[in-house]
Amino acid sequence: MSKAEGQGTNAVQMATGVALGGLLALGVELVVLLLGALAVSKGILKEDAAAQVTAAACVLGCFVGGLLACARWKSRRLLGGLAVGAVCYVLVLAVGLLMSDELALGAQALIELAGCLCGGALAGLLKGGKRKKRASGRKK
């Protein structure tokens, strides 16, 4: 296999990892939001905690999705985690656009973007590869 074929295969594997990680992140995020809504309806959380639950769902979902994507990436795992965060955010925007007639980009959208990127970046940092130890320059 030539070097170009190996890079092409690696690129497809990386894109697949990001797509699967983004979908998993969206699924985990929706489950966390469902649990938050259940906690509000039971009286465990106040209705004012909706922004915090949303931010936590974004971070947790993108962290889990980022771990999946980073497992498929051989290098540049931080970039992979950030890509999962971006894909998940775009999916959240698409779902929001399908649910309403207009796209509302306000403070809550920025909180969601920051949560998605932070969760993905955290996964990329924690899933980082092992670094090689450098041989000492001096011989004894």
N, C-alpha and C. Protein backbone atom coordinates (compact mmCIF):
# COMPACT_ATOMS: atom_id res chain seq x y z
N MET A 1 0.84 -1.17 0.00
CA MET A 1 0.00 0.00 0.00
C MET A 1 0.89 1.23 0.00
N SER A 2 0.58 2.17 -0.87
CA SER A 2 1.38 3.38 -0.94
C SER A 2 1.00 4.34 0.18
N LYS A 3 1.82 5.36 0.35
CA LYS A 3 1.58 6.34 1.40
C LYS A 3 0.28 7.11 1.16
N ALA A 4 -0.01 7.42 -0.10
CA ALA A 4 -1.24 8.16 -0.43
C ALA A 4 -2.48 7.33 -0.12
N GLU A 5 -2.44 6.03 -0.41
CA GLU A 5 -3.57 5.17 -0.10
C GLU A 5 -3.78 5.06 1.39
N GLY A 6 -2.69 4.99 2.15
CA GLY A 6 -2.79 4.93 3.60
C GLY A 6 -3.38 6.19 4.18
N GLN A 7 -3.01 7.34 3.62
CA GLN A 7 -3.56 8.60 4.10
C GLN A 7 -5.04 8.72 3.74
N GLY A 8 -5.43 8.22 2.59
CA GLY A 8 -6.84 8.25 2.20
C GLY A 8 -7.68 7.38 3.10
N THR A 9 -7.18 6.20 3.42
CA THR A 9 -7.88 5.30 4.34
C THR A 9 -7.98 5.93 5.71
N ASN A 10 -6.89 6.56 6.16
CA ASN A 10 -6.89 7.20 7.46
C ASN A 10 -7.89 8.36 7.50
N ALA A 11 -8.00 9.12 6.41
CA ALA A 11 -8.93 10.24 6.36
C ALA A 11 -10.37 9.75 6.42
N VAL A 12 -10.67 8.67 5.74
CA VAL A 12 -12.03 8.11 5.78
C VAL A 12 -12.34 7.61 7.19
N GLN A 13 -11.38 6.97 7.81
CA GLN A 13 -11.56 6.47 9.17
C GLN A 13 -11.78 7.64 10.15
N MET A 14 -11.04 8.72 9.95
CA MET A 14 -11.19 9.88 10.81
C MET A 14 -12.56 10.54 10.62
N ALA A 15 -13.00 10.68 9.37
CA ALA A 15 -14.31 11.29 9.10
C ALA A 15 -15.43 10.42 9.65
N THR A 16 -15.30 9.12 9.53
CA THR A 16 -16.29 8.21 10.08
C THR A 16 -16.35 8.33 11.59
N GLY A 17 -15.19 8.43 12.22
CA GLY A 17 -15.14 8.58 13.67
C GLY A 17 -15.81 9.87 14.12
N VAL A 18 -15.59 10.95 13.39
CA VAL A 18 -16.21 12.23 13.76
C VAL A 18 -17.73 12.16 13.57
N ALA A 19 -18.17 11.56 12.49
CA ALA A 19 -19.62 11.46 12.24
C ALA A 19 -20.30 10.58 13.29
N LEU A 20 -19.71 9.43 13.59
CA LEU A 20 -20.29 8.56 14.62
C LEU A 20 -20.22 9.22 16.00
N GLY A 21 -19.12 9.89 16.28
CA GLY A 21 -18.99 10.59 17.55
C GLY A 21 -20.00 11.71 17.69
N GLY A 22 -20.26 12.44 16.61
CA GLY A 22 -21.26 13.50 16.64
C GLY A 22 -22.66 12.97 16.89
N LEU A 23 -22.99 11.86 16.24
CA LEU A 23 -24.31 11.26 16.45
C LEU A 23 -24.45 10.71 17.86
N LEU A 24 -23.39 10.07 18.37
CA LEU A 24 -23.43 9.58 19.75
C LEU A 24 -23.54 10.75 20.73
N ALA A 25 -22.81 11.82 20.46
CA ALA A 25 -22.87 13.00 21.33
C ALA A 25 -24.29 13.57 21.36
N LEU A 26 -24.93 13.65 20.21
CA LEU A 26 -26.30 14.15 20.16
C LEU A 26 -27.25 13.24 20.94
N GLY A 27 -27.07 11.94 20.80
CA GLY A 27 -27.92 11.00 21.53
C GLY A 27 -27.74 11.11 23.04
N VAL A 28 -26.50 11.19 23.49
CA VAL A 28 -26.24 11.32 24.93
C VAL A 28 -26.79 12.66 25.43
N GLU A 29 -26.60 13.69 24.64
CA GLU A 29 -27.11 15.01 25.02
C GLU A 29 -28.62 14.99 25.17
N LEU A 30 -29.32 14.36 24.26
CA LEU A 30 -30.78 14.29 24.35
C LEU A 30 -31.24 13.48 25.56
N VAL A 31 -30.51 12.41 25.88
CA VAL A 31 -30.87 11.61 27.07
C VAL A 31 -30.65 12.43 28.34
N VAL A 32 -29.56 13.17 28.42
CA VAL A 32 -29.30 14.00 29.61
C VAL A 32 -30.36 15.09 29.71
N LEU A 33 -30.74 15.68 28.59
CA LEU A 33 -31.80 16.70 28.62
C LEU A 33 -33.14 16.10 29.04
N LEU A 34 -33.41 14.88 28.62
CA LEU A 34 -34.63 14.21 29.03
C LEU A 34 -34.63 13.95 30.53
N LEU A 35 -33.48 13.52 31.06
CA LEU A 35 -33.38 13.31 32.51
C LEU A 35 -33.51 14.63 33.27
N GLY A 36 -32.96 15.70 32.70
CA GLY A 36 -33.11 17.02 33.33
C GLY A 36 -34.56 17.47 33.34
N ALA A 37 -35.27 17.24 32.25
CA ALA A 37 -36.69 17.60 32.20
C ALA A 37 -37.49 16.78 33.20
N LEU A 38 -37.12 15.52 33.35
CA LEU A 38 -37.79 14.67 34.34
C LEU A 38 -37.52 15.17 35.75
N ALA A 39 -36.28 15.60 36.01
CA ALA A 39 -35.94 16.13 37.34
C ALA A 39 -36.68 17.43 37.62
N VAL A 40 -36.89 18.26 36.62
CA VAL A 40 -37.66 19.50 36.81
C VAL A 40 -39.12 19.17 37.07
N SER A 41 -39.67 18.21 36.34
CA SER A 41 -41.09 17.88 36.53
C SER A 41 -41.35 17.21 37.88
N LYS A 42 -40.36 16.51 38.42
CA LYS A 42 -40.50 15.87 39.74
C LYS A 42 -40.23 16.85 40.88
N GLY A 43 -39.70 18.03 40.54
CA GLY A 43 -39.42 19.02 41.58
C GLY A 43 -38.02 18.91 42.17
N ILE A 44 -37.18 18.06 41.61
CA ILE A 44 -35.81 17.92 42.10
C ILE A 44 -34.99 19.15 41.73
N LEU A 45 -35.17 19.65 40.52
CA LEU A 45 -34.50 20.86 40.05
C LEU A 45 -35.53 21.96 39.82
N LYS A 46 -35.08 23.21 39.97
CA LYS A 46 -35.96 24.34 39.68
C LYS A 46 -35.94 24.60 38.17
N GLU A 47 -36.96 25.28 37.69
CA GLU A 47 -37.04 25.60 36.26
C GLU A 47 -35.93 26.55 35.83
N ASP A 48 -35.38 27.28 36.78
CA ASP A 48 -34.30 28.22 36.45
C ASP A 48 -33.00 27.52 36.08
N ALA A 49 -32.90 26.23 36.34
CA ALA A 49 -31.67 25.48 36.08
C ALA A 49 -31.59 24.95 34.65
N ALA A 50 -32.48 25.39 33.78
CA ALA A 50 -32.51 24.87 32.41
C ALA A 50 -31.22 25.18 31.66
N ALA A 51 -30.68 26.37 31.82
CA ALA A 51 -29.44 26.73 31.11
C ALA A 51 -28.26 25.89 31.59
N GLN A 52 -28.20 25.63 32.90
CA GLN A 52 -27.10 24.81 33.43
C GLN A 52 -27.22 23.36 32.99
N VAL A 53 -28.44 22.83 32.96
CA VAL A 53 -28.65 21.46 32.50
C VAL A 53 -28.29 21.33 31.02
N THR A 54 -28.64 22.34 30.24
CA THR A 54 -28.31 22.32 28.82
C THR A 54 -26.79 22.34 28.61
N ALA A 55 -26.11 23.20 29.34
CA ALA A 55 -24.65 23.27 29.21
C ALA A 55 -24.00 21.96 29.65
N ALA A 56 -24.48 21.38 30.74
CA ALA A 56 -23.93 20.10 31.21
C ALA A 56 -24.20 18.98 30.20
N ALA A 57 -25.36 19.01 29.58
CA ALA A 57 -25.69 17.99 28.58
C ALA A 57 -24.77 18.11 27.37
N CYS A 58 -24.48 19.35 26.97
CA CYS A 58 -23.57 19.56 25.83
C CYS A 58 -22.17 19.04 26.14
N VAL A 59 -21.67 19.37 27.31
CA VAL A 59 -20.32 18.94 27.70
C VAL A 59 -20.26 17.41 27.80
N LEU A 60 -21.22 16.81 28.49
CA LEU A 60 -21.20 15.36 28.68
C LEU A 60 -21.38 14.61 27.36
N GLY A 61 -22.32 15.06 26.54
CA GLY A 61 -22.55 14.39 25.26
C GLY A 61 -21.34 14.46 24.35
N CYS A 62 -20.74 15.63 24.24
CA CYS A 62 -19.57 15.77 23.36
C CYS A 62 -18.34 15.08 23.93
N PHE A 63 -18.27 14.97 25.25
CA PHE A 63 -17.18 14.21 25.84
C PHE A 63 -17.27 12.74 25.46
N VAL A 64 -18.46 12.16 25.58
CA VAL A 64 -18.64 10.74 25.23
C VAL A 64 -18.43 10.53 23.73
N GLY A 65 -19.00 11.39 22.91
CA GLY A 65 -18.80 11.28 21.47
C GLY A 65 -17.36 11.51 21.06
N GLY A 66 -16.69 12.44 21.74
CA GLY A 66 -15.27 12.69 21.47
C GLY A 66 -14.39 11.50 21.81
N LEU A 67 -14.74 10.80 22.88
CA LEU A 67 -13.97 9.59 23.22
C LEU A 67 -14.08 8.54 22.13
N LEU A 68 -15.29 8.39 21.57
CA LEU A 68 -15.47 7.44 20.47
C LEU A 68 -14.65 7.85 19.25
N ALA A 69 -14.70 9.12 18.90
CA ALA A 69 -13.97 9.59 17.73
C ALA A 69 -12.47 9.50 17.94
N CYS A 70 -12.00 9.85 19.13
CA CYS A 70 -10.56 9.84 19.40
C CYS A 70 -10.00 8.42 19.42
N ALA A 71 -10.85 7.45 19.67
CA ALA A 71 -10.39 6.06 19.62
C ALA A 71 -10.06 5.65 18.18
N ARG A 72 -10.66 6.32 17.21
CA ARG A 72 -10.41 6.00 15.80
C ARG A 72 -9.30 6.83 15.19
N TRP A 73 -8.90 7.92 15.85
CA TRP A 73 -7.86 8.80 15.33
C TRP A 73 -6.51 8.34 15.85
N LYS A 74 -5.53 8.29 14.99
CA LYS A 74 -4.19 7.88 15.40
C LYS A 74 -3.38 9.06 15.92
N SER A 75 -3.67 10.24 15.42
CA SER A 75 -2.95 11.44 15.86
C SER A 75 -3.92 12.62 15.83
N ARG A 76 -3.50 13.73 16.38
CA ARG A 76 -4.30 14.96 16.43
C ARG A 76 -5.67 14.71 17.05
N ARG A 77 -5.67 14.10 18.20
CA ARG A 77 -6.93 13.74 18.85
C ARG A 77 -7.68 14.96 19.38
N LEU A 78 -6.96 16.00 19.74
CA LEU A 78 -7.63 17.23 20.17
C LEU A 78 -8.47 17.80 19.03
N LEU A 79 -7.92 17.78 17.83
CA LEU A 79 -8.66 18.24 16.66
C LEU A 79 -9.89 17.36 16.41
N GLY A 80 -9.75 16.07 16.64
CA GLY A 80 -10.89 15.17 16.48
C GLY A 80 -11.99 15.45 17.49
N GLY A 81 -11.60 15.70 18.73
CA GLY A 81 -12.59 16.03 19.75
C GLY A 81 -13.31 17.34 19.44
N LEU A 82 -12.55 18.34 18.99
CA LEU A 82 -13.16 19.61 18.61
C LEU A 82 -14.09 19.45 17.41
N ALA A 83 -13.72 18.58 16.48
CA ALA A 83 -14.58 18.32 15.32
C ALA A 83 -15.89 17.68 15.75
N VAL A 84 -15.83 16.77 16.71
CA VAL A 84 -17.06 16.15 17.23
C VAL A 84 -17.94 17.20 17.88
N GLY A 85 -17.33 18.10 18.65
CA GLY A 85 -18.09 19.18 19.27
C GLY A 85 -18.78 20.05 18.24
N ALA A 86 -18.07 20.37 17.16
CA ALA A 86 -18.64 21.21 16.11
C ALA A 86 -19.77 20.48 15.38
N VAL A 87 -19.58 19.19 15.10
CA VAL A 87 -20.61 18.41 14.42
C VAL A 87 -21.86 18.30 15.30
N CYS A 88 -21.66 18.06 16.58
CA CYS A 88 -22.79 17.95 17.49
C CYS A 88 -23.54 19.28 17.57
N TYR A 89 -22.81 20.39 17.61
CA TYR A 89 -23.46 21.69 17.67
C TYR A 89 -24.27 21.96 16.40
N VAL A 90 -23.74 21.60 15.26
CA VAL A 90 -24.48 21.78 14.01
C VAL A 90 -25.73 20.90 14.01
N LEU A 91 -25.62 19.70 14.54
CA LEU A 91 -26.80 18.83 14.63
C LEU A 91 -27.84 19.41 15.58
N VAL A 92 -27.41 19.99 16.69
CA VAL A 92 -28.34 20.62 17.62
C VAL A 92 -29.03 21.80 16.95
N LEU A 93 -28.26 22.60 16.20
CA LEU A 93 -28.87 23.71 15.47
C LEU A 93 -29.87 23.21 14.44
N ALA A 94 -29.55 22.12 13.75
CA ALA A 94 -30.47 21.57 12.75
C ALA A 94 -31.75 21.08 13.39
N VAL A 95 -31.65 20.41 14.53
CA VAL A 95 -32.85 19.95 15.24
C VAL A 95 -33.67 21.14 15.70
N GLY A 96 -33.01 22.16 16.22
CA GLY A 96 -33.71 23.36 16.65
C GLY A 96 -34.40 24.07 15.48
N LEU A 97 -33.77 24.07 14.34
CA LEU A 97 -34.37 24.69 13.16
C LEU A 97 -35.57 23.88 12.66
N LEU A 98 -35.51 22.57 12.79
CA LEU A 98 -36.65 21.73 12.39
C LEU A 98 -37.82 21.89 13.35
N MET A 99 -37.52 22.13 14.62
CA MET A 99 -38.58 22.25 15.63
C MET A 99 -39.27 23.60 15.60
N SER A 100 -38.59 24.64 15.14
CA SER A 100 -39.19 25.97 15.08
C SER A 100 -38.98 26.54 13.68
N ASP A 101 -39.62 27.64 13.42
CA ASP A 101 -39.54 28.22 12.09
C ASP A 101 -38.33 29.12 11.88
N GLU A 102 -37.72 29.58 12.96
CA GLU A 102 -36.59 30.49 12.83
C GLU A 102 -35.41 30.02 13.66
N LEU A 103 -34.26 30.48 13.27
CA LEU A 103 -33.03 30.13 13.96
C LEU A 103 -32.71 31.23 14.96
N ALA A 104 -32.72 30.89 16.24
CA ALA A 104 -32.46 31.88 17.29
C ALA A 104 -31.04 31.69 17.81
N LEU A 105 -30.17 32.62 17.45
CA LEU A 105 -28.80 32.58 17.93
C LEU A 105 -28.63 33.67 18.98
N GLY A 106 -28.61 33.28 20.22
CA GLY A 106 -28.47 34.22 21.32
C GLY A 106 -27.44 33.72 22.31
N ALA A 107 -27.59 34.13 23.54
CA ALA A 107 -26.64 33.74 24.59
C ALA A 107 -26.68 32.24 24.83
N GLN A 108 -27.87 31.65 24.77
CA GLN A 108 -27.97 30.21 25.00
C GLN A 108 -27.26 29.42 23.90
N ALA A 109 -27.30 29.90 22.68
CA ALA A 109 -26.60 29.23 21.58
C ALA A 109 -25.09 29.29 21.79
N LEU A 110 -24.60 30.41 22.30
CA LEU A 110 -23.16 30.51 22.59
C LEU A 110 -22.75 29.60 23.73
N ILE A 111 -23.63 29.45 24.73
CA ILE A 111 -23.35 28.53 25.83
C ILE A 111 -23.29 27.10 25.32
N GLU A 112 -24.20 26.76 24.43
CA GLU A 112 -24.20 25.41 23.85
C GLU A 112 -22.95 25.17 23.01
N LEU A 113 -22.56 26.16 22.23
CA LEU A 113 -21.35 26.03 21.42
C LEU A 113 -20.12 25.84 22.31
N ALA A 114 -20.01 26.64 23.35
CA ALA A 114 -18.88 26.51 24.26
C ALA A 114 -18.88 25.16 24.96
N GLY A 115 -20.06 24.69 25.37
CA GLY A 115 -20.16 23.39 26.02
C GLY A 115 -19.77 22.25 25.08
N CYS A 116 -20.22 22.32 23.83
CA CYS A 116 -19.88 21.27 22.86
C CYS A 116 -18.38 21.24 22.59
N LEU A 117 -17.80 22.41 22.37
CA LEU A 117 -16.36 22.45 22.08
C LEU A 117 -15.53 22.05 23.29
N CYS A 118 -15.95 22.46 24.49
CA CYS A 118 -15.20 22.08 25.69
C CYS A 118 -15.27 20.57 25.95
N GLY A 119 -16.44 19.98 25.77
CA GLY A 119 -16.58 18.53 25.96
C GLY A 119 -15.74 17.74 24.97
N GLY A 120 -15.76 18.16 23.71
CA GLY A 120 -14.94 17.48 22.70
C GLY A 120 -13.46 17.66 22.94
N ALA A 121 -13.06 18.88 23.33
CA ALA A 121 -11.65 19.14 23.60
C ALA A 121 -11.17 18.35 24.81
N LEU A 122 -12.00 18.23 25.82
CA LEU A 122 -11.63 17.46 27.01
C LEU A 122 -11.41 15.99 26.64
N ALA A 123 -12.26 15.46 25.78
CA ALA A 123 -12.08 14.07 25.33
C ALA A 123 -10.77 13.93 24.55
N GLY A 124 -10.48 14.89 23.70
CA GLY A 124 -9.24 14.84 22.93
C GLY A 124 -8.01 14.93 23.81
N LEU A 125 -8.08 15.73 24.86
CA LEU A 125 -6.93 15.86 25.77
C LEU A 125 -6.74 14.62 26.63
N LEU A 126 -7.84 14.05 27.10
CA LEU A 126 -7.73 12.87 27.97
C LEU A 126 -7.40 11.61 27.20
N LYS A 127 -7.77 11.56 25.94
CA LYS A 127 -7.53 10.37 25.13
C LYS A 127 -6.23 10.49 24.35
N GLY A 128 -5.39 11.47 24.69
CA GLY A 128 -4.14 11.70 23.97
C GLY A 128 -3.24 10.47 23.95
N GLY A 129 -2.45 10.38 22.92
CA GLY A 129 -1.57 9.22 22.75
C GLY A 129 -0.41 9.23 23.73
N LYS A 130 0.23 8.10 23.83
CA LYS A 130 1.38 7.99 24.70
C LYS A 130 2.58 8.65 24.03
N ARG A 131 3.28 9.42 24.80
CA ARG A 131 4.45 10.10 24.26
C ARG A 131 5.67 9.22 24.45
N LYS A 132 6.53 9.29 23.44
CA LYS A 132 7.75 8.51 23.50
C LYS A 132 8.77 9.21 24.38
N LYS A 133 9.48 8.42 25.13
CA LYS A 133 10.52 8.99 25.97
C LYS A 133 11.75 9.25 25.10
N ARG A 134 12.34 10.38 25.32
CA ARG A 134 13.54 10.72 24.56
C ARG A 134 14.75 10.07 25.19
N ALA A 135 15.59 9.57 24.32
CA ALA A 135 16.85 9.00 24.81
C ALA A 135 17.75 10.14 25.24
N SER A 136 18.47 9.91 26.29
CA SER A 136 19.35 10.99 26.76
C SER A 136 20.48 11.23 25.76
N GLY A 137 20.84 12.48 25.64
CA GLY A 137 21.87 12.86 24.67
C GLY A 137 23.27 12.47 25.10
N ARG A 138 23.46 12.27 26.40
CA ARG A 138 24.80 11.94 26.89
C ARG A 138 24.95 10.44 27.09
N LYS A 139 26.11 9.94 26.78
CA LYS A 139 26.41 8.54 27.05
C LYS A 139 27.35 8.50 28.23
N LYS A 140 27.19 7.51 29.05
CA LYS A 140 28.04 7.37 30.25
C LYS A 140 29.20 6.46 29.98
